[in-house]
Amino acid sequence: MPRVTPCRCFKLLALPWIVMSGLWLFLPSPSIQPQQRDAYIERKFASGGTVITAVDYRPFLRHPGRIYSGECSECSDAFIHWRQRTSGGKVTVDVSDSGSDATVQVTDFLNLGADWHERNATRGVPYVSDKFGLNDVPGGELGEEVAMPWFQEVDQKLIDYNMHNMRVSLAVRAIVPKAGTLEIWRNAYVEPIWFDDPVSAYEKILKNKTKTDHLATFQLNKSGGSSKLAVLHLAGHLPSRTYPIRRALLFPLGPFIGIPFVLIPSLVEVFSPFSYLVIIWLSAVAGIFCYRRMIEGGPIDTCIGGLCCPRRRRKEWQKTEVWGPTGPVDSKDLRRSFDEEGAIGLQRPQSVRLEKRWNNRN
């Protein structure tokens, strides 16, 4: 049974942290290909999972130079967590990971749209809801120290959100262009166009839209007593396939992984006036040490000896040990003694006659 030593206990405790740190640093971040995007979103929604999309948050700010209630001036992206939920025959879509009031009442908006289309069937004008807010939506930006530069960009921003828990609010409107179809649009884009000319407003909205203006399109299909929500469009970029693994690793590593990134810059700032002197002193000490090892023939069984005396290390590898009656004999001394004696001791005297008894089997 192996002994329990402090060193072994330390290795046992440190091994999981080393493995988790290695996964955090070197786990690949494969992106979801554009041709697989729609199938991935549909599969996630059908299974009740959450689809995260990173949307540019800056167009949602009322004034870039001012900070209003519910806005995050430090956030560059809003991370909408789309998730379908059915309760009491009503279909809703959550857009936040906190389970708060950040929801889209799909069934209610479609019912209001159906009533609107019945009253305005001849006009051909879609239903446009009042402005409402998607509150408590996660937000983040680039620049988090623990997010390595080789991570996917959306993953880096999501890690920043997980570290600082920043929240944003999105002002949107719901549009029902036809029965069973619900669209979510940015309010600041729809509002001026809609109040200018409601009859031709929808055509202008579709013509001049950008990626951030049109957030989502859902279609509710009813068959029998059940309702199925299909996703026709989701704006924004998706995180990598391995982001859930990094998010899980962030829970145990979070309190400790940021310490080196905070401590090292502080130490550099404190010792920066003396950094050049320290570098020169360390270089001089290393040079003197290596020079002495080269002169003295440093120990071969150490890494310093191997670095300083590479020729001697190669000769040491080629050296063969010769054992004599009293122990190991240096092959160089043995070879020199043979040369001095002319190898007489290795020659058989000419007067000696060998018997052939060993070859006689009888």
Protein backbone atom coordinates (compact mmCIF):
# COMPACT_ATOMS: atom_id res chain seq x y z
CA MET A 1 0.00 0.00 0.00
CA PRO A 2 1.53 3.38 -0.97
CA ARG A 3 2.35 5.78 1.79
CA VAL A 4 0.25 8.87 2.33
CA THR A 5 2.63 11.81 2.11
CA PRO A 6 1.97 15.56 1.95
CA CYS A 7 3.39 15.66 -1.55
CA ARG A 8 0.99 12.99 -2.80
CA CYS A 9 -1.95 14.70 -1.12
CA PHE A 10 -1.00 17.96 -2.79
CA LYS A 11 -0.76 16.27 -6.19
CA LEU A 12 -4.14 14.61 -5.67
CA LEU A 13 -5.77 17.92 -4.78
CA ALA A 14 -4.03 19.89 -7.52
CA LEU A 15 -4.73 17.45 -10.36
CA PRO A 16 -8.44 18.34 -10.85
CA TRP A 17 -7.63 22.05 -10.89
CA ILE A 18 -4.84 21.52 -13.42
CA VAL A 19 -7.19 19.51 -15.67
CA MET A 20 -9.97 22.12 -15.42
CA SER A 21 -7.53 24.95 -16.11
CA GLY A 22 -6.18 23.09 -19.15
CA LEU A 23 -9.70 22.56 -20.49
CA TRP A 24 -10.52 26.21 -19.92
CA LEU A 25 -7.44 27.41 -21.80
CA PHE A 26 -7.14 24.92 -24.65
CA LEU A 27 -10.67 23.60 -25.31
CA PRO A 28 -11.53 24.38 -28.96
CA SER A 29 -14.39 26.76 -29.81
CA PRO A 30 -16.03 25.31 -32.94
CA SER A 31 -18.61 27.65 -34.44
CA ILE A 32 -21.98 26.60 -35.81
CA GLN A 33 -21.79 26.75 -39.58
CA PRO A 34 -24.27 29.04 -41.42
CA GLN A 35 -25.81 26.11 -43.29
CA GLN A 36 -26.47 24.37 -39.95
CA ARG A 37 -27.85 27.42 -38.14
CA ASP A 38 -31.57 26.99 -38.91
CA ALA A 39 -31.56 23.27 -38.12
CA TYR A 40 -29.70 23.89 -34.85
CA ILE A 41 -32.20 26.57 -33.73
CA GLU A 42 -35.22 24.47 -34.67
CA ARG A 43 -33.86 21.43 -32.87
CA LYS A 44 -33.11 23.45 -29.72
CA PHE A 45 -36.57 25.00 -29.66
CA ALA A 46 -38.34 21.70 -30.26
CA SER A 47 -36.49 20.05 -27.37
CA GLY A 48 -37.26 22.91 -24.96
CA GLY A 49 -33.69 24.17 -24.91
CA THR A 50 -32.39 27.73 -24.86
CA VAL A 51 -30.98 29.43 -27.96
CA ILE A 52 -28.58 32.30 -27.17
CA THR A 53 -28.08 35.03 -29.76
CA ALA A 54 -25.74 38.00 -29.39
CA VAL A 55 -27.34 41.18 -30.77
CA ASP A 56 -25.65 44.56 -31.13
CA TYR A 57 -26.93 46.61 -28.20
CA ARG A 58 -25.78 50.08 -29.25
CA PRO A 59 -28.77 50.82 -31.56
CA PHE A 60 -31.07 50.26 -28.56
CA LEU A 61 -29.49 53.11 -26.58
CA ARG A 62 -31.67 56.21 -26.50
CA HIS A 63 -28.65 58.54 -26.51
CA PRO A 64 -25.05 57.24 -26.82
CA GLY A 65 -23.66 60.04 -24.66
CA ARG A 66 -26.08 59.64 -21.76
CA ILE A 67 -27.03 56.88 -19.33
CA TYR A 68 -30.71 56.20 -18.71
CA SER A 69 -32.40 53.83 -16.29
CA GLY A 70 -32.21 50.23 -17.48
CA GLU A 71 -29.35 50.90 -19.89
CA CYS A 72 -25.79 49.60 -19.73
CA SER A 73 -23.27 52.02 -21.19
CA GLU A 74 -20.47 49.45 -20.90
CA CYS A 75 -22.30 46.72 -22.84
CA SER A 76 -21.74 46.23 -26.55
CA ASP A 77 -24.04 43.20 -26.99
CA ALA A 78 -27.31 41.90 -25.60
CA PHE A 79 -27.56 38.13 -25.17
CA ILE A 80 -31.16 37.12 -25.81
CA HIS A 81 -31.96 33.70 -24.33
CA TRP A 82 -34.83 32.46 -26.50
CA ARG A 83 -36.83 29.67 -24.88
CA GLN A 84 -40.34 28.43 -25.62
CA ARG A 85 -42.76 27.90 -22.76
CA THR A 86 -46.35 26.65 -22.80
CA SER A 87 -48.70 27.12 -19.84
CA GLY A 88 -52.49 26.86 -19.77
CA GLY A 89 -52.79 26.81 -23.55
CA LYS A 90 -50.73 30.00 -23.92
CA VAL A 91 -47.39 30.07 -25.69
CA THR A 92 -44.73 32.49 -24.49
CA VAL A 93 -41.06 32.97 -25.34
CA ASP A 94 -38.59 33.85 -22.60
CA VAL A 95 -35.72 36.11 -23.61
CA SER A 96 -33.68 36.08 -20.39
CA ASP A 97 -31.96 33.49 -18.25
CA SER A 98 -33.40 34.89 -15.01
CA GLY A 99 -37.02 33.87 -15.59
CA SER A 100 -38.26 37.41 -14.92
CA ASP A 101 -40.74 39.52 -16.90
CA ALA A 102 -38.56 39.37 -20.03
CA THR A 103 -41.11 37.41 -22.05
CA VAL A 104 -42.97 37.69 -25.33
CA GLN A 105 -46.65 36.76 -25.04
CA VAL A 106 -46.98 35.00 -28.38
CA THR A 107 -50.58 33.82 -27.98
CA ASP A 108 -51.84 37.19 -26.72
CA PHE A 109 -50.22 39.13 -29.56
CA LEU A 110 -51.56 36.72 -32.17
CA ASN A 111 -55.09 37.02 -30.75
CA LEU A 112 -54.86 40.82 -30.87
CA GLY A 113 -53.55 40.58 -34.42
CA ALA A 114 -56.43 38.32 -35.47
CA ASP A 115 -58.98 40.81 -34.13
CA TRP A 116 -57.16 43.66 -35.91
CA HIS A 117 -57.17 41.85 -39.25
CA GLU A 118 -60.89 41.14 -38.96
CA ARG A 119 -61.65 44.84 -38.47
CA ASN A 120 -59.16 46.08 -41.07
CA ALA A 121 -59.32 43.35 -43.69
CA THR A 122 -59.87 45.82 -46.53
CA ARG A 123 -56.97 48.09 -45.60
CA GLY A 124 -54.27 45.41 -45.59
CA VAL A 125 -52.47 47.03 -42.67
CA PRO A 126 -50.65 44.67 -40.26
CA TYR A 127 -51.14 44.83 -36.53
CA VAL A 128 -48.44 46.75 -34.64
CA SER A 129 -48.40 46.58 -30.85
CA ASP A 130 -47.52 49.30 -28.42
CA LYS A 131 -43.96 49.64 -27.27
CA PHE A 132 -42.93 47.18 -24.57
CA GLY A 133 -39.64 46.34 -22.93
CA LEU A 134 -37.67 43.15 -22.73
CA ASN A 135 -36.12 43.76 -19.32
CA ASP A 136 -33.34 41.97 -17.46
CA VAL A 137 -31.65 40.72 -20.63
CA PRO A 138 -27.96 39.73 -20.13
CA GLY A 139 -25.35 42.09 -21.56
CA GLY A 140 -21.59 42.08 -21.99
CA GLU A 141 -18.60 43.23 -24.00
CA LEU A 142 -15.07 42.26 -24.98
CA GLY A 143 -12.16 42.85 -22.64
CA GLU A 144 -12.62 40.33 -19.84
CA GLU A 145 -9.17 39.23 -18.64
CA VAL A 146 -10.02 35.56 -18.11
CA ALA A 147 -11.38 35.22 -21.67
CA MET A 148 -8.44 34.23 -23.85
CA PRO A 149 -8.02 35.93 -27.25
CA TRP A 150 -8.36 32.62 -29.10
CA PHE A 151 -11.89 32.04 -27.72
CA GLN A 152 -14.77 32.76 -30.07
CA GLU A 153 -15.85 36.40 -29.86
CA VAL A 154 -19.38 35.64 -28.65
CA ASP A 155 -17.95 33.30 -26.01
CA GLN A 156 -15.65 36.06 -24.74
CA LYS A 157 -18.58 38.45 -24.35
CA LEU A 158 -20.69 35.81 -22.60
CA ILE A 159 -17.84 35.13 -20.18
CA ASP A 160 -17.75 38.85 -19.43
CA TYR A 161 -21.48 38.70 -18.62
CA ASN A 162 -21.01 35.66 -16.37
CA MET A 163 -18.24 37.44 -14.47
CA HIS A 164 -20.03 40.79 -14.00
CA ASN A 165 -23.76 39.93 -14.44
CA MET A 166 -24.62 43.07 -16.42
CA ARG A 167 -28.22 43.56 -17.57
CA VAL A 168 -29.86 45.58 -20.35
CA SER A 169 -33.37 46.51 -21.46
CA LEU A 170 -34.62 46.33 -25.05
CA ALA A 171 -37.51 48.49 -26.30
CA VAL A 172 -39.38 46.53 -28.99
CA ARG A 173 -42.71 46.23 -30.80
CA ALA A 174 -44.62 43.19 -32.03
CA ILE A 175 -45.97 43.07 -35.59
CA VAL A 176 -48.52 40.53 -36.84
CA PRO A 177 -48.39 40.76 -40.68
CA LYS A 178 -50.76 37.80 -41.11
CA ALA A 179 -52.60 35.26 -39.02
CA GLY A 180 -50.31 32.99 -37.00
CA THR A 181 -47.10 34.97 -37.68
CA LEU A 182 -45.45 37.17 -35.06
CA GLU A 183 -42.45 39.43 -35.63
CA ILE A 184 -40.34 41.29 -33.03
CA TRP A 185 -38.84 44.62 -34.14
CA ARG A 186 -36.73 47.35 -32.56
CA ASN A 187 -39.03 50.15 -31.43
CA ALA A 188 -36.73 53.04 -32.40
CA TYR A 189 -36.77 51.79 -35.99
CA VAL A 190 -40.49 51.00 -36.35
CA GLU A 191 -42.03 53.94 -34.49
CA PRO A 192 -41.16 56.86 -36.83
CA ILE A 193 -42.02 54.88 -39.98
CA TRP A 194 -45.32 53.61 -38.61
CA PHE A 195 -46.71 56.94 -37.46
CA ASP A 196 -45.62 58.66 -40.67
CA ASP A 197 -47.69 56.47 -43.04
CA PRO A 198 -49.43 53.39 -41.53
CA VAL A 199 -50.73 52.14 -44.89
CA SER A 200 -47.34 51.69 -46.58
CA ALA A 201 -45.31 51.52 -43.38
CA TYR A 202 -44.78 47.75 -43.41
CA GLU A 203 -43.28 47.81 -46.90
CA LYS A 204 -40.84 50.53 -45.83
CA ILE A 205 -40.00 48.59 -42.67
CA LEU A 206 -39.09 45.50 -44.67
CA LYS A 207 -37.16 47.49 -47.26
CA ASN A 208 -34.88 49.51 -44.99
CA LYS A 209 -34.30 47.06 -42.14
CA THR A 210 -30.89 46.08 -40.79
CA LYS A 211 -29.76 42.99 -38.91
CA THR A 212 -30.48 44.58 -35.53
CA ASP A 213 -33.92 45.98 -36.42
CA HIS A 214 -35.66 42.65 -37.04
CA LEU A 215 -35.04 40.47 -33.99
CA ALA A 216 -37.26 37.42 -34.51
CA THR A 217 -40.13 35.83 -36.44
CA PHE A 218 -42.31 33.04 -35.01
CA GLN A 219 -45.15 31.05 -36.53
CA LEU A 220 -47.73 29.31 -34.36
CA ASN A 221 -49.22 26.17 -35.88
CA LYS A 222 -52.30 24.71 -34.21
CA SER A 223 -53.28 21.11 -34.83
CA GLY A 224 -56.05 19.61 -32.73
CA GLY A 225 -55.60 20.73 -29.16
CA SER A 226 -51.84 21.32 -29.33
CA SER A 227 -49.81 24.28 -30.54
CA LYS A 228 -46.36 24.14 -32.08
CA LEU A 229 -44.17 27.21 -32.36
CA ALA A 230 -41.80 27.33 -35.32
CA VAL A 231 -38.85 29.72 -35.55
CA LEU A 232 -38.55 31.42 -38.92
CA HIS A 233 -35.89 33.98 -38.03
CA LEU A 234 -33.58 34.88 -35.13
CA ALA A 235 -31.16 37.79 -35.35
CA GLY A 236 -27.67 37.76 -33.89
CA HIS A 237 -24.63 35.51 -33.64
CA LEU A 238 -24.59 32.13 -31.91
CA PRO A 239 -21.95 31.04 -29.38
CA SER A 240 -19.66 28.09 -30.02
CA ARG A 241 -20.68 24.51 -29.37
CA THR A 242 -18.32 24.24 -26.39
CA TYR A 243 -19.54 27.37 -24.60
CA PRO A 244 -21.73 25.34 -22.16
CA ILE A 245 -18.60 23.45 -21.05
CA ARG A 246 -16.65 26.66 -20.41
CA ARG A 247 -19.63 28.14 -18.59
CA ALA A 248 -19.69 25.08 -16.31
CA LEU A 249 -15.92 25.38 -15.72
CA LEU A 250 -16.35 29.04 -14.81
CA PHE A 251 -18.30 28.10 -11.66
CA PRO A 252 -15.35 26.43 -9.81
CA LEU A 253 -12.60 28.44 -11.52
CA GLY A 254 -14.28 31.85 -11.37
CA PRO A 255 -13.12 32.92 -7.88
CA PHE A 256 -9.48 31.99 -8.61
CA ILE A 257 -8.87 32.28 -12.34
CA GLY A 258 -8.82 36.07 -12.27
CA ILE A 259 -6.22 36.38 -9.49
CA PRO A 260 -3.12 36.13 -11.76
CA PHE A 261 -4.56 38.68 -14.20
CA VAL A 262 -5.06 41.16 -11.37
CA LEU A 263 -1.90 40.39 -9.37
CA ILE A 264 0.66 40.34 -12.19
CA PRO A 265 -0.18 43.81 -13.63
CA SER A 266 -0.13 45.24 -10.10
CA LEU A 267 3.31 43.79 -9.43
CA VAL A 268 4.59 45.02 -12.78
CA GLU A 269 3.28 48.49 -12.02
CA VAL A 270 4.93 48.52 -8.59
CA PHE A 271 8.30 47.21 -9.73
CA SER A 272 8.38 48.88 -13.15
CA PRO A 273 11.02 51.51 -12.12
CA PHE A 274 13.40 48.71 -11.13
CA SER A 275 12.51 46.25 -13.90
CA TYR A 276 15.52 47.07 -16.10
CA LEU A 277 17.93 46.74 -13.18
CA VAL A 278 16.40 43.40 -12.18
CA ILE A 279 16.64 42.08 -15.75
CA ILE A 280 20.29 43.14 -16.07
CA TRP A 281 21.17 41.61 -12.69
CA LEU A 282 19.45 38.30 -13.49
CA SER A 283 21.14 38.15 -16.90
CA ALA A 284 24.56 38.74 -15.33
CA VAL A 285 23.99 36.05 -12.68
CA ALA A 286 22.80 33.56 -15.30
CA GLY A 287 25.81 34.30 -17.52
CA ILE A 288 28.31 33.85 -14.67
CA PHE A 289 26.66 30.63 -13.56
CA CYS A 290 26.68 29.13 -17.06
CA TYR A 291 30.30 30.18 -17.63
CA ARG A 292 31.46 28.53 -14.39
CA ARG A 293 29.62 25.35 -15.27
CA MET A 294 31.27 25.26 -18.65
CA ILE A 295 34.73 25.73 -17.13
CA GLU A 296 34.25 23.26 -14.30
CA GLY A 297 32.31 20.71 -16.34
CA GLY A 298 28.95 21.04 -14.63
CA PRO A 299 26.98 18.05 -13.39
CA ILE A 300 25.66 16.09 -16.32
CA ASP A 301 22.59 14.80 -14.47
CA THR A 302 21.11 18.29 -14.23
CA CYS A 303 19.39 20.36 -16.87
CA ILE A 304 21.89 23.20 -16.34
CA GLY A 305 24.77 20.86 -16.96
CA GLY A 306 23.15 19.61 -20.13
CA LEU A 307 22.49 23.10 -21.42
CA CYS A 308 25.93 24.46 -20.54
CA CYS A 309 27.96 21.41 -21.57
CA PRO A 310 26.16 19.83 -24.53
CA ARG A 311 29.37 18.30 -25.95
CA ARG A 312 30.21 16.59 -22.70
CA ARG A 313 26.65 15.27 -22.44
CA ARG A 314 26.90 13.74 -25.91
CA LYS A 315 30.22 12.12 -25.00
CA GLU A 316 28.73 10.85 -21.78
CA TRP A 317 25.93 9.17 -23.71
CA GLN A 318 28.50 7.44 -25.96
CA LYS A 319 30.60 6.27 -23.00
CA THR A 320 30.62 2.51 -22.27
CA GLU A 321 31.45 1.08 -18.88
CA VAL A 322 34.04 -1.71 -18.55
CA TRP A 323 34.11 -3.74 -15.35
CA GLY A 324 37.36 -5.13 -14.01
CA PRO A 325 38.16 -7.40 -11.03
CA THR A 326 37.76 -4.55 -8.55
CA GLY A 327 34.92 -2.63 -10.19
CA PRO A 328 34.33 -0.28 -13.12
CA VAL A 329 37.35 0.71 -15.19
CA ASP A 330 37.56 3.78 -17.36
CA SER A 331 37.55 2.67 -20.99
CA LYS A 332 40.03 5.41 -21.92
CA ASP A 333 42.64 4.20 -19.36
CA LEU A 334 42.07 0.59 -20.38
CA ARG A 335 42.50 1.45 -24.05
CA ARG A 336 45.70 3.42 -23.27
CA SER A 337 47.24 0.48 -21.32
CA PHE A 338 46.52 -1.86 -24.21
CA ASP A 339 48.25 0.51 -26.60
CA GLU A 340 51.37 0.79 -24.41
CA GLU A 341 51.79 -2.98 -24.08
CA GLY A 342 51.24 -3.50 -27.79
CA ALA A 343 48.29 -5.70 -26.99
CA ILE A 344 50.70 -8.50 -25.94
CA GLY A 345 48.40 -9.69 -23.25
CA LEU A 346 45.69 -10.29 -25.79
CA GLN A 347 47.85 -12.53 -28.08
CA ARG A 348 48.16 -16.30 -27.68
CA PRO A 349 51.77 -17.57 -27.32
CA GLN A 350 52.99 -19.41 -30.40
CA SER A 351 54.48 -22.31 -28.31
CA VAL A 352 51.12 -23.21 -26.78
CA ARG A 353 49.48 -26.24 -28.37
CA LEU A 354 45.77 -26.59 -27.97
CA GLU A 355 44.33 -30.02 -27.54
CA LYS A 356 41.38 -31.09 -29.63
CA ARG A 357 39.81 -33.05 -26.86
CA TRP A 358 36.89 -30.66 -26.83
CA ASN A 359 36.14 -31.62 -30.44
CA ASN A 360 36.29 -35.37 -29.80
CA ARG A 361 32.79 -36.60 -28.99
CA ASN A 362 33.90 -40.20 -28.39
